[in-house]
C-alpha atoms as a PDB file:
ATOM      1  CA  UNK A   1     100.618 246.072 200.234  1.00  0.00           C
ATOM      2  CA  UNK A   2     101.893 248.758 202.598  1.00  0.00           C
ATOM      3  CA  UNK A   3      99.728 252.155 201.686  1.00  0.00           C
ATOM      4  CA  UNK A   4     100.661 255.422 203.143  1.00  0.00           C
ATOM      5  CA  UNK A   5      98.661 258.691 202.536  1.00  0.00           C
ATOM      6  CA  UNK A   6     100.330 262.147 203.346  1.00  0.00           C
ATOM      7  CA  UNK A   7      98.297 264.888 204.074  1.00  0.00           C
ATOM      8  CA  UNK A   8      98.945 268.383 205.037  1.00  0.00           C
ATOM      9  CA  UNK A   9      96.310 268.627 208.039  1.00  0.00           C
ATOM     10  CA  UNK A  10      94.963 265.746 210.173  1.00  0.00           C
ATOM     11  CA  UNK A  11      91.837 265.219 208.604  1.00  0.00           C
ATOM     12  CA  UNK A  12      92.888 265.443 204.951  1.00  0.00           C
ATOM     13  CA  UNK A  13      93.180 261.912 204.328  1.00  0.00           C
ATOM     14  CA  UNK A  14      90.034 260.933 205.631  1.00  0.00           C
ATOM     15  CA  UNK A  15      88.343 263.406 203.056  1.00  0.00           C
ATOM     16  CA  UNK A  16      90.351 262.596 200.403  1.00  0.00           C
ATOM     17  CA  UNK A  17      91.047 258.891 200.376  1.00  0.00           C
ATOM     18  CA  UNK A  18      88.662 257.311 203.959  1.00  0.00           C
ATOM     19  CA  UNK A  19      86.749 255.154 201.954  1.00  0.00           C
ATOM     20  CA  UNK A  20      89.438 253.644 199.321  1.00  0.00           C
ATOM     21  CA  UNK A  21      91.434 253.030 202.604  1.00  0.00           C
ATOM     22  CA  UNK A  22      88.847 251.410 204.516  1.00  0.00           C
ATOM     23  CA  UNK A  23      88.561 249.084 201.655  1.00  0.00           C
ATOM     24  CA  UNK A  24      92.276 248.415 201.328  1.00  0.00           C
ATOM     25  CA  UNK A  25      92.188 247.716 205.037  1.00  0.00           C
ATOM     26  CA  UNK A  26      89.280 245.372 204.932  1.00  0.00           C
ATOM     27  CA  UNK A  27      91.007 243.293 202.084  1.00  0.00           C
ATOM     28  CA  UNK A  28      94.222 242.927 204.740  1.00  0.00           C
ATOM     29  CA  UNK A  29      96.346 245.645 203.319  1.00  0.00           C
ATOM     30  CA  UNK A  30      98.552 247.762 205.646  1.00  0.00           C
ATOM     31  CA  UNK A  31      96.982 251.253 205.723  1.00  0.00           C
ATOM     32  CA  UNK A  32      98.667 254.294 207.368  1.00  0.00           C
ATOM     33  CA  UNK A  33      97.497 258.387 207.732  1.00  0.00           C
ATOM     34  CA  UNK A  34     100.376 260.825 207.992  1.00  0.00           C
ATOM     35  CA  UNK A  35      99.277 264.696 208.639  1.00  0.00           C
ATOM     36  CA  UNK A  36     102.481 266.706 208.570  1.00  0.00           C
ATOM     37  CA  UNK A  37     101.118 269.353 210.268  1.00  0.00           C
ATOM     38  CA  UNK A  38      99.267 269.376 213.685  1.00  0.00           C
ATOM     39  CA  UNK A  39      96.181 271.441 212.877  1.00  0.00           C
ATOM     40  CA  UNK A  40      96.698 273.722 215.824  1.00  0.00           C
ATOM     41  CA  UNK A  41      95.454 276.679 213.782  1.00  0.00           C
ATOM     42  CA  UNK A  42      92.159 275.144 212.880  1.00  0.00           C
ATOM     43  CA  UNK A  43      89.929 276.438 215.529  1.00  0.00           C
ATOM     44  CA  UNK A  44      88.081 279.546 216.056  1.00  0.00           C
ATOM     45  CA  UNK A  45      87.944 279.143 220.055  1.00  0.00           C
ATOM     46  CA  UNK A  46      90.030 276.748 221.004  1.00  0.00           C
ATOM     47  CA  UNK A  47      94.095 277.684 221.455  1.00  0.00           C
ATOM     48  CA  UNK A  48      96.583 275.975 219.737  1.00  0.00           C
ATOM     49  CA  UNK A  49      98.253 273.645 222.767  1.00  0.00           C
ATOM     50  CA  UNK A  50      94.666 272.332 223.235  1.00  0.00           C
ATOM     51  CA  UNK A  51      93.718 271.977 219.578  1.00  0.00           C
ATOM     52  CA  UNK A  52      96.942 269.673 218.952  1.00  0.00           C
ATOM     53  CA  UNK A  53      95.801 267.223 221.759  1.00  0.00           C
ATOM     54  CA  UNK A  54      92.007 267.399 220.593  1.00  0.00           C
ATOM     55  CA  UNK A  55      93.265 266.704 217.019  1.00  0.00           C
ATOM     56  CA  UNK A  56      95.312 263.985 218.029  1.00  0.00           C
ATOM     57  CA  UNK A  57      92.411 262.014 219.588  1.00  0.00           C
ATOM     58  CA  UNK A  58      90.366 262.740 216.819  1.00  0.00           C
ATOM     59  CA  UNK A  59      92.769 261.434 214.430  1.00  0.00           C
ATOM     60  CA  UNK A  60      93.291 258.095 216.153  1.00  0.00           C
ATOM     61  CA  UNK A  61      89.454 257.430 216.608  1.00  0.00           C
ATOM     62  CA  UNK A  62      89.062 258.262 212.972  1.00  0.00           C
ATOM     63  CA  UNK A  63      91.680 255.665 212.358  1.00  0.00           C
ATOM     64  CA  UNK A  64      90.166 253.281 214.717  1.00  0.00           C
ATOM     65  CA  UNK A  65      86.657 253.570 212.797  1.00  0.00           C
ATOM     66  CA  UNK A  66      88.018 253.352 209.329  1.00  0.00           C
ATOM     67  CA  UNK A  67      89.889 250.213 210.683  1.00  0.00           C
ATOM     68  CA  UNK A  68      93.405 251.474 209.007  1.00  0.00           C
ATOM     69  CA  UNK A  69      96.505 250.552 210.915  1.00  0.00           C
ATOM     70  CA  UNK A  70      97.793 253.689 212.098  1.00  0.00           C
ATOM     71  CA  UNK A  71      97.356 257.257 212.154  1.00  0.00           C
ATOM     72  CA  UNK A  72     100.631 259.591 212.943  1.00  0.00           C
ATOM     73  CA  UNK A  73     100.484 263.570 213.184  1.00  0.00           C
ATOM     74  CA  UNK A  74     103.890 265.507 212.651  1.00  0.00           C
ATOM     75  CA  UNK A  75     104.820 268.942 214.805  1.00  0.00           C
ATOM     76  CA  UNK A  76     104.824 271.232 211.918  1.00  0.00           C
ATOM     77  CA  UNK A  77     102.700 274.186 212.863  1.00  0.00           C
ATOM     78  CA  UNK A  78      99.501 274.221 210.832  1.00  0.00           C
ATOM     79  CA  UNK A  79      99.641 277.280 208.231  1.00  0.00           C
ATOM     80  CA  UNK A  80     103.133 277.944 208.613  1.00  0.00           C
ATOM     81  CA  UNK A  81     104.830 274.836 207.016  1.00  0.00           C
ATOM     82  CA  UNK A  82     107.405 274.889 204.209  1.00  0.00           C
ATOM     83  CA  UNK A  83     109.330 272.648 202.142  1.00  0.00           C
ATOM     84  CA  UNK A  84     112.728 272.314 204.179  1.00  0.00           C
ATOM     85  CA  UNK A  85     115.330 269.920 203.803  1.00  0.00           C
ATOM     86  CA  UNK A  86     114.210 268.933 207.458  1.00  0.00           C
ATOM     87  CA  UNK A  87     110.805 268.128 206.141  1.00  0.00           C
ATOM     88  CA  UNK A  88     111.652 266.087 203.343  1.00  0.00           C
ATOM     89  CA  UNK A  89     113.903 264.037 205.597  1.00  0.00           C
ATOM     90  CA  UNK A  90     111.156 263.504 207.798  1.00  0.00           C
ATOM     91  CA  UNK A  91     108.856 262.360 205.175  1.00  0.00           C
ATOM     92  CA  UNK A  92     111.443 260.132 203.840  1.00  0.00           C
ATOM     93  CA  UNK A  93     111.762 258.287 207.252  1.00  0.00           C
ATOM     94  CA  UNK A  94     107.757 257.571 207.488  1.00  0.00           C
ATOM     95  CA  UNK A  95     107.835 256.366 203.945  1.00  0.00           C
ATOM     96  CA  UNK A  96     110.777 254.324 204.622  1.00  0.00           C
ATOM     97  CA  UNK A  97     109.507 253.218 207.932  1.00  0.00           C
ATOM     98  CA  UNK A  98     106.279 252.210 206.670  1.00  0.00           C
ATOM     99  CA  UNK A  99     107.844 250.411 203.699  1.00  0.00           C
ATOM    100  CA  UNK A 100     105.286 251.913 201.781  1.00  0.00           C
ATOM    101  CA  UNK A 101     104.392 250.491 198.320  1.00  0.00           C
ATOM    102  CA  UNK A 102     102.020 253.035 197.460  1.00  0.00           C
ATOM    103  CA  UNK A 103     102.264 256.903 198.814  1.00  0.00           C
ATOM    104  CA  UNK A 104      99.884 259.110 198.267  1.00  0.00           C
ATOM    105  CA  UNK A 105      99.443 263.284 198.647  1.00  0.00           C
ATOM    106  CA  UNK A 106      97.904 266.391 197.379  1.00  0.00           C
ATOM    107  CA  UNK A 107      98.464 267.863 194.028  1.00  0.00           C
ATOM    108  CA  UNK A 108     100.940 270.745 194.011  1.00  0.00           C
ATOM    109  CA  UNK A 109      98.171 273.028 192.790  1.00  0.00           C
ATOM    110  CA  UNK A 110      96.189 273.675 195.831  1.00  0.00           C
ATOM    111  CA  UNK A 111      94.544 276.763 197.524  1.00  0.00           C
ATOM    112  CA  UNK A 112      95.926 275.892 200.757  1.00  0.00           C
ATOM    113  CA  UNK A 113      99.571 276.512 201.131  1.00  0.00           C
ATOM    114  CA  UNK A 114     100.189 273.596 203.534  1.00  0.00           C
ATOM    115  CA  UNK A 115      98.675 271.304 200.903  1.00  0.00           C
ATOM    116  CA  UNK A 116     100.951 272.677 198.260  1.00  0.00           C
ATOM    117  CA  UNK A 117     104.260 272.406 200.481  1.00  0.00           C
ATOM    118  CA  UNK A 118     103.562 268.920 201.472  1.00  0.00           C
ATOM    119  CA  UNK A 119     102.839 267.916 197.964  1.00  0.00           C
ATOM    120  CA  UNK A 120     106.247 268.894 197.129  1.00  0.00           C
ATOM    121  CA  UNK A 121     107.842 267.667 199.946  1.00  0.00           C
ATOM    122  CA  UNK A 122     106.407 264.103 199.296  1.00  0.00           C
ATOM    123  CA  UNK A 123     107.457 264.623 195.515  1.00  0.00           C
ATOM    124  CA  UNK A 124     111.135 265.555 196.154  1.00  0.00           C
ATOM    125  CA  UNK A 125     111.297 262.422 198.466  1.00  0.00           C
ATOM    126  CA  UNK A 126     110.104 259.916 195.733  1.00  0.00           C
ATOM    127  CA  UNK A 127     113.611 258.363 194.403  1.00  0.00           C
ATOM    128  CA  UNK A 128     115.655 259.951 197.530  1.00  0.00           C
ATOM    129  CA  UNK A 129     113.900 256.879 199.494  1.00  0.00           C
ATOM    130  CA  UNK A 130     115.948 254.699 197.979  1.00  0.00           C
ATOM    131  CA  UNK A 131     119.496 256.492 198.371  1.00  0.00           C
ATOM    132  CA  UNK A 132     121.061 254.881 201.348  1.00  0.00           C
ATOM    133  CA  UNK A 133     123.313 257.966 202.369  1.00  0.00           C
ATOM    134  CA  UNK A 134     119.981 260.090 202.705  1.00  0.00           C
ATOM    135  CA  UNK A 135     118.909 259.646 206.088  1.00  0.00           C
ATOM    136  CA  UNK A 136     121.217 256.970 206.572  1.00  0.00           C
ATOM    137  CA  UNK A 137     120.004 256.111 210.455  1.00  0.00           C
ATOM    138  CA  UNK A 138     116.529 255.113 208.493  1.00  0.00           C
ATOM    139  CA  UNK A 139     117.478 252.267 205.796  1.00  0.00           C
ATOM    140  CA  UNK A 140     116.589 253.242 202.374  1.00  0.00           C
ATOM    141  CA  UNK A 141     114.013 251.083 200.326  1.00  0.00           C
ATOM    142  CA  UNK A 142     115.105 248.564 197.877  1.00  0.00           C
ATOM    143  CA  UNK A 143     112.220 249.571 195.511  1.00  0.00           C
ATOM    144  CA  UNK A 144     110.802 253.249 194.714  1.00  0.00           C
ATOM    145  CA  UNK A 145     106.924 253.304 195.623  1.00  0.00           C
ATOM    146  CA  UNK A 146     104.192 254.372 193.266  1.00  0.00           C
ATOM    147  CA  UNK A 147     103.130 257.789 194.190  1.00  0.00           C
ATOM    148  CA  UNK A 148      99.684 258.943 193.548  1.00  0.00           C
ATOM    149  CA  UNK A 149      98.018 262.419 194.101  1.00  0.00           C
ATOM    150  CA  UNK A 150      94.889 262.916 195.483  1.00  0.00           C
ATOM    151  CA  UNK A 151      91.519 264.062 193.978  1.00  0.00           C
ATOM    152  CA  UNK A 152      90.645 267.880 193.295  1.00  0.00           C
ATOM    153  CA  UNK A 153      88.763 270.234 191.621  1.00  0.00           C
ATOM    154  CA  UNK A 154      91.307 273.108 190.477  1.00  0.00           C
ATOM    155  CA  UNK A 155      91.643 273.738 186.907  1.00  0.00           C
ATOM    156  CA  UNK A 156      94.642 275.918 186.533  1.00  0.00           C
ATOM    157  CA  UNK A 157      97.399 275.108 185.747  1.00  0.00           C
ATOM    158  CA  UNK A 158      96.488 271.683 185.248  1.00  0.00           C
ATOM    159  CA  UNK A 159      93.499 270.009 185.775  1.00  0.00           C
ATOM    160  CA  UNK A 160      93.304 266.547 187.637  1.00  0.00           C
ATOM    161  CA  UNK A 161      93.330 263.612 185.787  1.00  0.00           C
ATOM    162  CA  UNK A 162      92.116 260.442 187.446  1.00  0.00           C
ATOM    163  CA  UNK A 163      94.076 257.271 186.431  1.00  0.00           C
ATOM    164  CA  UNK A 164      91.706 255.070 188.383  1.00  0.00           C
ATOM    165  CA  UNK A 165      88.785 255.700 190.723  1.00  0.00           C
ATOM    166  CA  UNK A 166      87.018 253.637 193.406  1.00  0.00           C
ATOM    167  CA  UNK A 167      83.301 253.489 193.944  1.00  0.00           C
ATOM    168  CA  UNK A 168      83.232 253.595 197.563  1.00  0.00           C
ATOM    169  CA  UNK A 169      79.428 253.678 197.778  1.00  0.00           C
ATOM    170  CA  UNK A 170      79.388 250.409 200.066  1.00  0.00           C
ATOM    171  CA  UNK A 171      81.802 252.007 202.940  1.00  0.00           C
ATOM    172  CA  UNK A 172      80.628 255.609 202.441  1.00  0.00           C
ATOM    173  CA  UNK A 173      78.911 255.414 205.799  1.00  0.00           C
ATOM    174  CA  UNK A 174      82.040 254.471 207.201  1.00  0.00           C
ATOM    175  CA  UNK A 175      83.895 257.691 205.827  1.00  0.00           C
ATOM    176  CA  UNK A 176      81.212 259.595 207.350  1.00  0.00           C
ATOM    177  CA  UNK A 177      81.705 258.022 210.814  1.00  0.00           C
ATOM    178  CA  UNK A 178      85.709 258.973 210.284  1.00  0.00           C
ATOM    179  CA  UNK A 179      84.719 262.444 209.540  1.00  0.00           C
ATOM    180  CA  UNK A 180      82.479 262.477 212.479  1.00  0.00           C
ATOM    181  CA  UNK A 181      85.203 261.804 214.533  1.00  0.00           C
ATOM    182  CA  UNK A 182      87.242 264.823 213.562  1.00  0.00           C
ATOM    183  CA  UNK A 183      84.145 266.909 215.541  1.00  0.00           C
ATOM    184  CA  UNK A 184      86.133 269.783 216.218  1.00  0.00           C
ATOM    185  CA  UNK A 185      86.610 270.597 212.583  1.00  0.00           C
ATOM    186  CA  UNK A 186      83.246 269.193 211.050  1.00  0.00           C
ATOM    187  CA  UNK A 187      80.761 269.928 213.702  1.00  0.00           C
ATOM    188  CA  UNK A 188      83.106 273.282 214.944  1.00  0.00           C
ATOM    189  CA  UNK A 189      85.242 274.918 212.791  1.00  0.00           C
ATOM    190  CA  UNK A 190      83.972 274.322 209.134  1.00  0.00           C
ATOM    191  CA  UNK A 191      80.298 275.557 210.099  1.00  0.00           C
ATOM    192  CA  UNK A 192      82.056 278.534 211.519  1.00  0.00           C
ATOM    193  CA  UNK A 193      83.935 279.011 208.590  1.00  0.00           C
ATOM    194  CA  UNK A 194      80.545 278.659 206.168  1.00  0.00           C
ATOM    195  CA  UNK A 195      78.921 281.043 208.466  1.00  0.00           C
ATOM    196  CA  UNK A 196      76.868 278.478 210.142  1.00  0.00           C
ATOM    197  CA  UNK A 197      76.895 278.877 214.244  1.00  0.00           C
ATOM    198  CA  UNK A 198      76.882 275.489 215.904  1.00  0.00           C
ATOM    199  CA  UNK A 199      74.171 276.323 218.027  1.00  0.00           C
ATOM    200  CA  UNK A 200      72.145 276.301 214.719  1.00  0.00           C
ATOM    201  CA  UNK A 201      73.116 272.642 213.728  1.00  0.00           C
ATOM    202  CA  UNK A 202      71.226 269.971 216.325  1.00  0.00           C
ATOM    203  CA  UNK A 203      72.535 266.716 217.215  1.00  0.00           C
ATOM    204  CA  UNK A 204      70.313 264.339 214.828  1.00  0.00           C
ATOM    205  CA  UNK A 205      71.465 266.849 211.978  1.00  0.00           C
ATOM    206  CA  UNK A 206      75.413 266.583 212.537  1.00  0.00           C
ATOM    207  CA  UNK A 207      76.019 263.264 210.285  1.00  0.00           C
ATOM    208  CA  UNK A 208      73.784 264.933 207.347  1.00  0.00           C
ATOM    209  CA  UNK A 209      75.939 268.342 207.745  1.00  0.00           C
ATOM    210  CA  UNK A 210      79.001 265.875 207.093  1.00  0.00           C
ATOM    211  CA  UNK A 211      77.510 264.683 203.959  1.00  0.00           C
ATOM    212  CA  UNK A 212      76.242 268.081 202.709  1.00  0.00           C
ATOM    213  CA  UNK A 213      79.391 269.491 203.340  1.00  0.00           C
ATOM    214  CA  UNK A 214      81.185 266.786 200.948  1.00  0.00           C
ATOM    215  CA  UNK A 215      78.713 267.053 198.410  1.00  0.00           C
ATOM    216  CA  UNK A 216      79.617 270.906 198.090  1.00  0.00           C
ATOM    217  CA  UNK A 217      83.518 270.349 198.577  1.00  0.00           C
ATOM    218  CA  UNK A 218      84.129 267.397 197.119  1.00  0.00           C
ATOM    219  CA  UNK A 219      82.568 267.797 193.626  1.00  0.00           C
ATOM    220  CA  UNK A 220      83.551 264.996 190.930  1.00  0.00           C
ATOM    221  CA  UNK A 221      85.946 266.151 188.541  1.00  0.00           C
ATOM    222  CA  UNK A 222      84.735 265.142 184.981  1.00  0.00           C
ATOM    223  CA  UNK A 223      87.865 262.629 184.503  1.00  0.00           C
ATOM    224  CA  UNK A 224      86.990 260.633 187.615  1.00  0.00           C
ATOM    225  CA  UNK A 225      83.726 259.925 185.957  1.00  0.00           C
ATOM    226  CA  UNK A 226      85.394 258.829 183.015  1.00  0.00           C
ATOM    227  CA  UNK A 227      87.480 256.781 184.840  1.00  0.00           C
ATOM    228  CA  UNK A 228      84.545 255.377 186.924  1.00  0.00           C
ATOM    229  CA  UNK A 229      82.742 254.192 183.573  1.00  0.00           C
ATOM    230  CA  UNK A 230      86.163 252.542 182.296  1.00  0.00           C
ATOM    231  CA  UNK A 231      86.243 250.222 185.752  1.00  0.00           C
ATOM    232  CA  UNK A 232      82.580 249.721 186.659  1.00  0.00           C
ATOM    233  CA  UNK A 233      80.550 250.538 183.450  1.00  0.00           C
ATOM    234  CA  UNK A 234      77.960 252.827 182.823  1.00  0.00           C
ATOM    235  CA  UNK A 235      75.850 252.824 186.067  1.00  0.00           C
ATOM    236  CA  UNK A 236      75.345 255.405 188.264  1.00  0.00           C
ATOM    237  CA  UNK A 237      77.881 255.453 191.175  1.00  0.00           C
ATOM    238  CA  UNK A 238      76.760 257.910 193.921  1.00  0.00           C
ATOM    239  CA  UNK A 239      80.227 257.892 196.011  1.00  0.00           C
ATOM    240  CA  UNK A 240      83.892 257.459 194.475  1.00  0.00           C
ATOM    241  CA  UNK A 241      87.497 258.633 195.263  1.00  0.00           C
ATOM    242  CA  UNK A 242      89.733 259.255 192.262  1.00  0.00           C
ATOM    243  CA  UNK A 243      93.850 259.081 192.042  1.00  0.00           C
ATOM    244  CA  UNK A 244      96.265 260.542 189.697  1.00  0.00           C
ATOM    245  CA  UNK A 245      99.266 258.751 188.828  1.00  0.00           C
ATOM    246  CA  UNK A 246     102.927 260.829 189.792  1.00  0.00           C
ATOM    247  CA  UNK A 247     105.357 260.513 187.290  1.00  0.00           C
ATOM    248  CA  UNK A 248     108.173 260.677 189.943  1.00  0.00           C
ATOM    249  CA  UNK A 249     107.328 257.496 191.512  1.00  0.00           C
ATOM    250  CA  UNK A 250     107.796 253.391 190.043  1.00  0.00           C
ATOM    251  CA  UNK A 251     106.450 253.007 186.729  1.00  0.00           C
ATOM    252  CA  UNK A 252     103.511 250.798 186.384  1.00  0.00           C
ATOM    253  CA  UNK A 253     104.189 247.503 185.107  1.00  0.00           C
ATOM    254  CA  UNK A 254     101.544 247.301 182.312  1.00  0.00           C
ATOM    255  CA  UNK A 255      98.522 249.492 181.642  1.00  0.00           C
ATOM    256  CA  UNK A 256      96.261 247.707 184.085  1.00  0.00           C
ATOM    257  CA  UNK A 257      97.980 247.574 187.310  1.00  0.00           C
ATOM    258  CA  UNK A 258      95.995 250.272 188.814  1.00  0.00           C
ATOM    259  CA  UNK A 259      92.927 248.551 188.156  1.00  0.00           C
ATOM    260  CA  UNK A 260      94.355 245.317 189.908  1.00  0.00           C
ATOM    261  CA  UNK A 261      96.166 247.061 192.469  1.00  0.00           C
ATOM    262  CA  UNK A 262      92.914 249.315 193.557  1.00  0.00           C
ATOM    263  CA  UNK A 263      89.762 247.765 195.326  1.00  0.00           C
ATOM    264  CA  UNK A 264      86.489 247.708 193.975  1.00  0.00           C
END
């Protein structure tokens, strides 16, 4: 299969689906991360032009650590993204060029406008990826991919509902390695946002700080717990990622298709 994860920022896919992506790739599937904005505003010290270069390099290194096939960062400005026709066409082209069987993105209800608008653009691309006269220079797909939402903890207006969940405990360290590659974010920007000065964080505890950040910011949705119990039984699972089916993409062939598609 060919899997495309579309995130708003250069580290969103690693945070949301890094473990599952590593497992897909290890099974021989082709995985690509696409960040729609360049992350240029995501730092308290570096200016925008420098941040674009830094984040592109970090994204490439994170992809290497996860073992996925490709990563791409578009040139929309961080914090200024809008769901324009041009942006929709850019996403349509990338879905077609990757010949995606599965497309993942944020849900449309989120604290960050970039997340919300990227979700809208991806949803608007569903079905249109098969329409030949839209972006005619890029051949239309003969099938509509499965579209899925990435897990979040927001409750309004509709809480996340996990249709499938993946135990990533066996690749959790690989996910942490990928986030560690985004040093400007996890060792500089995010600690600064949370009031922790980098001078207070020594080198030996940087990986621990990523694990703690994930524990604080990736609160598992109860429906993900239920999906894990259905799929794996009642045992303790320390690290997991959940996914919700979007109704705008291809319909499932049967109730067990997601279980067959997603890695264990």
